[in-house]
Amino acid sequence: QVQLVESGGGSVQAGGSLRLSCTASGRTFGSHAMGWFRQAPGKEREFVAAINYIGSTTYYSHSVRGRFIITRDNAKNMLYLQMNTLKPEDTAVYYCARERGPDYSAPDGFGSWGQGTQVTVVS
């Protein structure tokens, strides 16, 4: 059973940047696609970004494309989300998740989740 722990959240002014990190346990990190999701108060959890098992292909939601960058370091079992030009509507709890397979297929393909880290963007 993999354990995922997010860090790097906080409060930032609109237009600023944050970098989220996700530490994964276990030896199979490099065999799975990984992703980031977020959930704002009163809203459903939504897909943010995903990356395939070797980091060669990335996917983004329309709302973050061009502002957020997802990367991974398989040697360190780490997943990252660089968030730039943050907007108040980016405020949410951000979750790291592991896909069941090596490639991203759909938002419902993720079977393991972290506890989340809060990101607050103030205007």
N, C-alpha and C. Protein backbone atom coordinates (compact mmCIF):
# COMPACT_ATOMS: atom_id res chain seq x y z
N GLN A 1 0.84 -1.19 0.00
CA GLN A 1 0.00 0.00 0.00
C GLN A 1 0.87 1.24 0.00
N VAL A 2 0.70 2.10 -0.98
CA VAL A 2 1.51 3.30 -1.07
C VAL A 2 0.99 4.36 -0.11
N GLN A 3 1.89 5.15 0.41
CA GLN A 3 1.53 6.31 1.22
C GLN A 3 1.99 7.56 0.49
N LEU A 4 1.11 8.54 0.41
CA LEU A 4 1.40 9.80 -0.27
C LEU A 4 1.23 10.94 0.72
N VAL A 5 2.24 11.79 0.81
CA VAL A 5 2.21 12.90 1.75
C VAL A 5 2.52 14.19 1.00
N GLU A 6 1.56 15.10 1.00
CA GLU A 6 1.74 16.39 0.33
C GLU A 6 2.34 17.42 1.29
N SER A 7 3.04 18.38 0.71
CA SER A 7 3.58 19.50 1.48
C SER A 7 3.75 20.69 0.55
N GLY A 8 3.99 21.86 1.15
CA GLY A 8 4.26 23.04 0.36
C GLY A 8 3.11 24.01 0.23
N GLY A 9 1.96 23.65 0.77
CA GLY A 9 0.83 24.56 0.69
C GLY A 9 1.03 25.77 1.60
N GLY A 10 0.13 26.73 1.47
CA GLY A 10 0.20 27.93 2.29
C GLY A 10 -0.66 29.02 1.72
N SER A 11 -0.44 30.22 2.22
CA SER A 11 -1.19 31.39 1.78
C SER A 11 -0.29 32.28 0.94
N VAL A 12 -0.79 32.74 -0.19
CA VAL A 12 0.00 33.55 -1.10
C VAL A 12 -0.90 34.59 -1.75
N GLN A 13 -0.32 35.71 -2.12
CA GLN A 13 -1.10 36.74 -2.81
C GLN A 13 -1.31 36.36 -4.27
N ALA A 14 -2.39 36.86 -4.81
CA ALA A 14 -2.68 36.63 -6.22
C ALA A 14 -1.50 37.08 -7.07
N GLY A 15 -1.17 36.27 -8.06
CA GLY A 15 -0.04 36.55 -8.91
C GLY A 15 1.25 35.87 -8.45
N GLY A 16 1.23 35.35 -7.24
CA GLY A 16 2.40 34.69 -6.68
C GLY A 16 2.53 33.24 -7.11
N SER A 17 3.51 32.57 -6.50
CA SER A 17 3.81 31.18 -6.86
C SER A 17 3.95 30.32 -5.61
N LEU A 18 3.67 29.05 -5.79
CA LEU A 18 3.91 28.04 -4.76
C LEU A 18 4.36 26.77 -5.46
N ARG A 19 5.13 25.97 -4.74
CA ARG A 19 5.53 24.66 -5.26
C ARG A 19 5.09 23.59 -4.27
N LEU A 20 4.20 22.72 -4.72
CA LEU A 20 3.75 21.62 -3.92
C LEU A 20 4.64 20.40 -4.17
N SER A 21 4.83 19.62 -3.12
CA SER A 21 5.59 18.38 -3.22
C SER A 21 4.75 17.23 -2.70
N CYS A 22 5.02 16.06 -3.22
CA CYS A 22 4.35 14.84 -2.76
C CYS A 22 5.41 13.76 -2.62
N THR A 23 5.52 13.25 -1.40
CA THR A 23 6.47 12.17 -1.12
C THR A 23 5.72 10.85 -1.12
N ALA A 24 6.23 9.90 -1.89
CA ALA A 24 5.57 8.59 -2.00
C ALA A 24 6.44 7.51 -1.38
N SER A 25 5.80 6.61 -0.66
CA SER A 25 6.52 5.46 -0.11
C SER A 25 6.50 4.32 -1.11
N GLY A 26 7.32 3.31 -0.87
CA GLY A 26 7.28 2.11 -1.69
C GLY A 26 8.21 2.13 -2.87
N ARG A 27 8.32 0.97 -3.53
CA ARG A 27 9.27 0.79 -4.61
C ARG A 27 8.63 0.86 -5.99
N THR A 28 7.33 1.11 -6.05
CA THR A 28 6.65 1.08 -7.34
C THR A 28 6.29 2.46 -7.86
N PHE A 29 6.84 3.50 -7.23
CA PHE A 29 6.49 4.87 -7.64
C PHE A 29 6.72 5.07 -9.13
N GLY A 30 7.86 4.62 -9.63
CA GLY A 30 8.22 4.83 -11.02
C GLY A 30 7.44 4.00 -12.01
N SER A 31 6.49 3.20 -11.56
CA SER A 31 5.68 2.36 -12.45
C SER A 31 4.29 2.92 -12.68
N HIS A 32 3.97 4.00 -12.02
CA HIS A 32 2.61 4.54 -12.07
C HIS A 32 2.59 5.99 -12.53
N ALA A 33 1.58 6.33 -13.28
CA ALA A 33 1.32 7.73 -13.53
C ALA A 33 0.88 8.37 -12.21
N MET A 34 1.10 9.67 -12.10
CA MET A 34 0.74 10.41 -10.89
C MET A 34 -0.05 11.65 -11.27
N GLY A 35 -0.79 12.17 -10.30
CA GLY A 35 -1.59 13.34 -10.60
C GLY A 35 -1.83 14.23 -9.40
N TRP A 36 -2.32 15.42 -9.71
CA TRP A 36 -2.76 16.37 -8.69
C TRP A 36 -4.23 16.69 -8.93
N PHE A 37 -4.96 16.73 -7.84
CA PHE A 37 -6.36 17.13 -7.84
C PHE A 37 -6.53 18.23 -6.80
N ARG A 38 -7.68 18.89 -6.85
CA ARG A 38 -7.96 19.90 -5.83
C ARG A 38 -9.45 19.92 -5.54
N GLN A 39 -9.76 20.38 -4.33
CA GLN A 39 -11.17 20.51 -3.93
C GLN A 39 -11.35 21.80 -3.17
N ALA A 40 -12.17 22.66 -3.72
CA ALA A 40 -12.50 23.93 -3.08
C ALA A 40 -13.72 23.73 -2.19
N PRO A 41 -13.91 24.60 -1.19
CA PRO A 41 -15.07 24.47 -0.30
C PRO A 41 -16.38 24.47 -1.07
N GLY A 42 -17.20 23.47 -0.79
CA GLY A 42 -18.50 23.40 -1.42
C GLY A 42 -18.50 22.88 -2.84
N LYS A 43 -17.33 22.46 -3.32
CA LYS A 43 -17.23 21.97 -4.70
C LYS A 43 -16.71 20.55 -4.72
N GLU A 44 -16.91 19.89 -5.85
CA GLU A 44 -16.39 18.55 -6.01
C GLU A 44 -14.89 18.59 -6.31
N ARG A 45 -14.24 17.49 -6.02
CA ARG A 45 -12.82 17.39 -6.33
C ARG A 45 -12.63 17.41 -7.84
N GLU A 46 -11.64 18.15 -8.31
CA GLU A 46 -11.41 18.26 -9.74
C GLU A 46 -9.98 17.94 -10.10
N PHE A 47 -9.82 17.42 -11.30
CA PHE A 47 -8.50 17.10 -11.84
C PHE A 47 -7.73 18.37 -12.13
N VAL A 48 -6.43 18.37 -11.80
CA VAL A 48 -5.57 19.51 -12.07
C VAL A 48 -4.51 19.17 -13.11
N ALA A 49 -3.74 18.11 -12.83
CA ALA A 49 -2.64 17.76 -13.74
C ALA A 49 -2.26 16.30 -13.52
N ALA A 50 -1.62 15.71 -14.53
CA ALA A 50 -1.13 14.34 -14.42
C ALA A 50 0.15 14.20 -15.23
N ILE A 51 0.90 13.17 -14.88
CA ILE A 51 2.17 12.91 -15.55
C ILE A 51 2.35 11.40 -15.67
N ASN A 52 2.87 10.94 -16.79
CA ASN A 52 3.02 9.50 -16.96
C ASN A 52 4.19 8.97 -16.13
N TYR A 53 4.39 7.66 -16.16
CA TYR A 53 5.30 7.02 -15.22
C TYR A 53 6.75 7.46 -15.35
N ILE A 54 7.20 7.89 -16.54
CA ILE A 54 8.58 8.32 -16.71
C ILE A 54 8.70 9.83 -16.88
N GLY A 55 7.60 10.53 -16.77
CA GLY A 55 7.64 11.97 -16.85
C GLY A 55 7.75 12.55 -18.24
N SER A 56 7.48 11.76 -19.26
CA SER A 56 7.63 12.24 -20.63
C SER A 56 6.35 12.88 -21.18
N THR A 57 5.24 12.65 -20.53
CA THR A 57 3.97 13.18 -21.01
C THR A 57 3.20 13.79 -19.84
N THR A 58 2.68 14.98 -20.04
CA THR A 58 1.92 15.66 -19.00
C THR A 58 0.55 16.07 -19.53
N TYR A 59 -0.38 16.24 -18.60
CA TYR A 59 -1.75 16.61 -18.92
C TYR A 59 -2.20 17.67 -17.92
N TYR A 60 -2.99 18.63 -18.39
CA TYR A 60 -3.44 19.72 -17.53
C TYR A 60 -4.91 20.02 -17.78
N SER A 61 -5.57 20.46 -16.73
CA SER A 61 -6.92 20.97 -16.93
C SER A 61 -6.83 22.31 -17.63
N HIS A 62 -7.91 22.68 -18.26
CA HIS A 62 -7.92 23.94 -18.99
C HIS A 62 -7.65 25.13 -18.07
N SER A 63 -8.11 25.04 -16.84
CA SER A 63 -8.02 26.18 -15.93
C SER A 63 -6.59 26.46 -15.45
N VAL A 64 -5.70 25.48 -15.55
CA VAL A 64 -4.33 25.69 -15.04
C VAL A 64 -3.27 25.61 -16.13
N ARG A 65 -3.67 25.18 -17.33
CA ARG A 65 -2.69 25.02 -18.40
C ARG A 65 -2.01 26.35 -18.68
N GLY A 66 -0.67 26.32 -18.75
CA GLY A 66 0.11 27.52 -18.98
C GLY A 66 0.56 28.21 -17.70
N ARG A 67 -0.02 27.82 -16.57
CA ARG A 67 0.37 28.41 -15.28
C ARG A 67 1.01 27.39 -14.34
N PHE A 68 0.55 26.14 -14.39
CA PHE A 68 1.05 25.10 -13.51
C PHE A 68 1.94 24.13 -14.30
N ILE A 69 2.93 23.57 -13.60
CA ILE A 69 3.81 22.58 -14.21
C ILE A 69 3.95 21.40 -13.28
N ILE A 70 3.66 20.20 -13.78
CA ILE A 70 3.81 18.98 -13.00
C ILE A 70 5.10 18.28 -13.43
N THR A 71 5.87 17.86 -12.44
CA THR A 71 7.10 17.11 -12.70
C THR A 71 7.24 16.00 -11.68
N ARG A 72 8.19 15.11 -11.93
CA ARG A 72 8.45 14.02 -10.98
C ARG A 72 9.92 13.67 -10.99
N ASP A 73 10.35 13.11 -9.86
CA ASP A 73 11.72 12.61 -9.73
C ASP A 73 11.62 11.18 -9.22
N ASN A 74 11.72 10.23 -10.11
CA ASN A 74 11.52 8.84 -9.72
C ASN A 74 12.64 8.33 -8.81
N ALA A 75 13.82 8.90 -8.91
CA ALA A 75 14.92 8.47 -8.05
C ALA A 75 14.64 8.84 -6.59
N LYS A 76 13.84 9.87 -6.38
CA LYS A 76 13.54 10.35 -5.03
C LYS A 76 12.11 10.03 -4.60
N ASN A 77 11.35 9.37 -5.46
CA ASN A 77 9.93 9.10 -5.15
C ASN A 77 9.17 10.39 -4.87
N MET A 78 9.39 11.40 -5.71
CA MET A 78 8.79 12.70 -5.47
C MET A 78 7.99 13.17 -6.68
N LEU A 79 6.88 13.82 -6.38
CA LEU A 79 6.03 14.46 -7.37
C LEU A 79 5.92 15.92 -7.00
N TYR A 80 5.91 16.79 -8.01
CA TYR A 80 5.86 18.23 -7.75
C TYR A 80 4.77 18.91 -8.57
N LEU A 81 4.32 20.04 -8.06
CA LEU A 81 3.42 20.90 -8.83
C LEU A 81 3.87 22.33 -8.62
N GLN A 82 4.46 22.92 -9.64
CA GLN A 82 4.85 24.32 -9.61
C GLN A 82 3.65 25.15 -10.06
N MET A 83 3.19 26.02 -9.19
CA MET A 83 2.00 26.82 -9.48
C MET A 83 2.40 28.29 -9.58
N ASN A 84 2.21 28.85 -10.75
CA ASN A 84 2.57 30.24 -11.01
C ASN A 84 1.33 31.07 -11.32
N THR A 85 1.48 32.37 -11.21
CA THR A 85 0.38 33.30 -11.50
C THR A 85 -0.91 32.84 -10.84
N LEU A 86 -0.83 32.59 -9.56
CA LEU A 86 -1.96 32.06 -8.83
C LEU A 86 -3.10 33.06 -8.77
N LYS A 87 -4.31 32.50 -8.78
CA LYS A 87 -5.53 33.30 -8.74
C LYS A 87 -6.35 32.89 -7.52
N PRO A 88 -7.21 33.77 -7.03
CA PRO A 88 -8.06 33.40 -5.88
C PRO A 88 -8.86 32.12 -6.14
N GLU A 89 -9.26 31.88 -7.37
CA GLU A 89 -10.03 30.67 -7.68
C GLU A 89 -9.20 29.39 -7.63
N ASP A 90 -7.88 29.53 -7.43
CA ASP A 90 -7.04 28.35 -7.23
C ASP A 90 -7.06 27.88 -5.77
N THR A 91 -7.69 28.64 -4.91
CA THR A 91 -7.79 28.27 -3.50
C THR A 91 -8.52 26.95 -3.34
N ALA A 92 -7.86 26.00 -2.67
CA ALA A 92 -8.42 24.65 -2.52
C ALA A 92 -7.46 23.81 -1.70
N VAL A 93 -7.93 22.63 -1.32
CA VAL A 93 -7.04 21.61 -0.80
C VAL A 93 -6.54 20.81 -2.00
N TYR A 94 -5.23 20.67 -2.10
CA TYR A 94 -4.60 19.98 -3.22
C TYR A 94 -4.16 18.58 -2.79
N TYR A 95 -4.51 17.60 -3.61
CA TYR A 95 -4.23 16.20 -3.32
C TYR A 95 -3.31 15.59 -4.37
N CYS A 96 -2.40 14.80 -3.89
CA CYS A 96 -1.54 13.99 -4.74
C CYS A 96 -2.22 12.62 -4.89
N ALA A 97 -2.14 12.03 -6.06
CA ALA A 97 -2.79 10.75 -6.29
C ALA A 97 -1.98 9.88 -7.23
N ARG A 98 -2.11 8.57 -7.05
CA ARG A 98 -1.41 7.61 -7.90
C ARG A 98 -2.38 6.90 -8.81
N GLU A 99 -2.05 6.91 -10.10
CA GLU A 99 -2.86 6.20 -11.08
C GLU A 99 -2.64 4.70 -10.94
N ARG A 100 -3.61 3.92 -11.37
CA ARG A 100 -3.49 2.48 -11.26
C ARG A 100 -2.50 1.91 -12.25
N GLY A 101 -2.25 2.63 -13.33
CA GLY A 101 -1.34 2.14 -14.36
C GLY A 101 -0.24 3.13 -14.65
N PRO A 102 0.58 2.86 -15.68
CA PRO A 102 1.72 3.72 -16.00
C PRO A 102 1.37 5.01 -16.74
N ASP A 103 0.20 5.02 -17.35
CA ASP A 103 -0.20 6.20 -18.11
C ASP A 103 -1.51 6.76 -17.60
N TYR A 104 -1.65 8.05 -17.75
CA TYR A 104 -2.90 8.70 -17.35
C TYR A 104 -3.99 8.34 -18.34
N SER A 105 -5.15 7.93 -17.81
CA SER A 105 -6.25 7.57 -18.68
C SER A 105 -7.47 8.46 -18.46
N ALA A 106 -7.82 8.63 -17.19
CA ALA A 106 -9.01 9.42 -16.87
C ALA A 106 -8.95 9.77 -15.38
N PRO A 107 -9.67 10.81 -14.97
CA PRO A 107 -9.63 11.19 -13.56
C PRO A 107 -10.05 10.07 -12.62
N ASP A 108 -10.87 9.14 -13.08
CA ASP A 108 -11.30 8.07 -12.18
C ASP A 108 -10.33 6.89 -12.16
N GLY A 109 -9.16 7.07 -12.77
CA GLY A 109 -8.17 6.00 -12.78
C GLY A 109 -7.22 6.01 -11.60
N PHE A 110 -7.42 6.93 -10.69
CA PHE A 110 -6.52 7.08 -9.54
C PHE A 110 -7.07 6.32 -8.35
N GLY A 111 -6.20 5.50 -7.74
CA GLY A 111 -6.68 4.63 -6.67
C GLY A 111 -6.08 4.90 -5.30
N SER A 112 -5.05 5.75 -5.23
CA SER A 112 -4.42 6.06 -3.94
C SER A 112 -4.30 7.57 -3.81
N TRP A 113 -4.57 8.07 -2.61
CA TRP A 113 -4.64 9.51 -2.38
C TRP A 113 -3.88 9.92 -1.13
N GLY A 114 -3.34 11.12 -1.16
CA GLY A 114 -2.76 11.70 0.04
C GLY A 114 -3.83 12.41 0.86
N GLN A 115 -3.40 13.05 1.95
CA GLN A 115 -4.34 13.73 2.84
C GLN A 115 -4.61 15.16 2.42
N GLY A 116 -3.79 15.70 1.55
CA GLY A 116 -4.03 17.04 1.02
C GLY A 116 -3.24 18.12 1.73
N THR A 117 -3.04 19.22 1.01
CA THR A 117 -2.39 20.41 1.56
C THR A 117 -3.17 21.63 1.11
N GLN A 118 -3.40 22.56 2.03
CA GLN A 118 -4.25 23.72 1.75
C GLN A 118 -3.46 24.80 1.01
N VAL A 119 -4.05 25.31 -0.05
CA VAL A 119 -3.51 26.45 -0.77
C VAL A 119 -4.56 27.55 -0.74
N THR A 120 -4.15 28.71 -0.26
CA THR A 120 -5.06 29.87 -0.19
C THR A 120 -4.44 31.03 -0.94
N VAL A 121 -5.17 31.56 -1.89
CA VAL A 121 -4.69 32.68 -2.70
C VAL A 121 -5.57 33.88 -2.36
N VAL A 122 -4.94 34.92 -1.85
CA VAL A 122 -5.68 36.11 -1.43
C VAL A 122 -5.48 37.22 -2.46
N SER A 123 -6.55 37.97 -2.68
CA SER A 123 -6.48 39.05 -3.67
C SER A 123 -6.09 40.36 -3.04
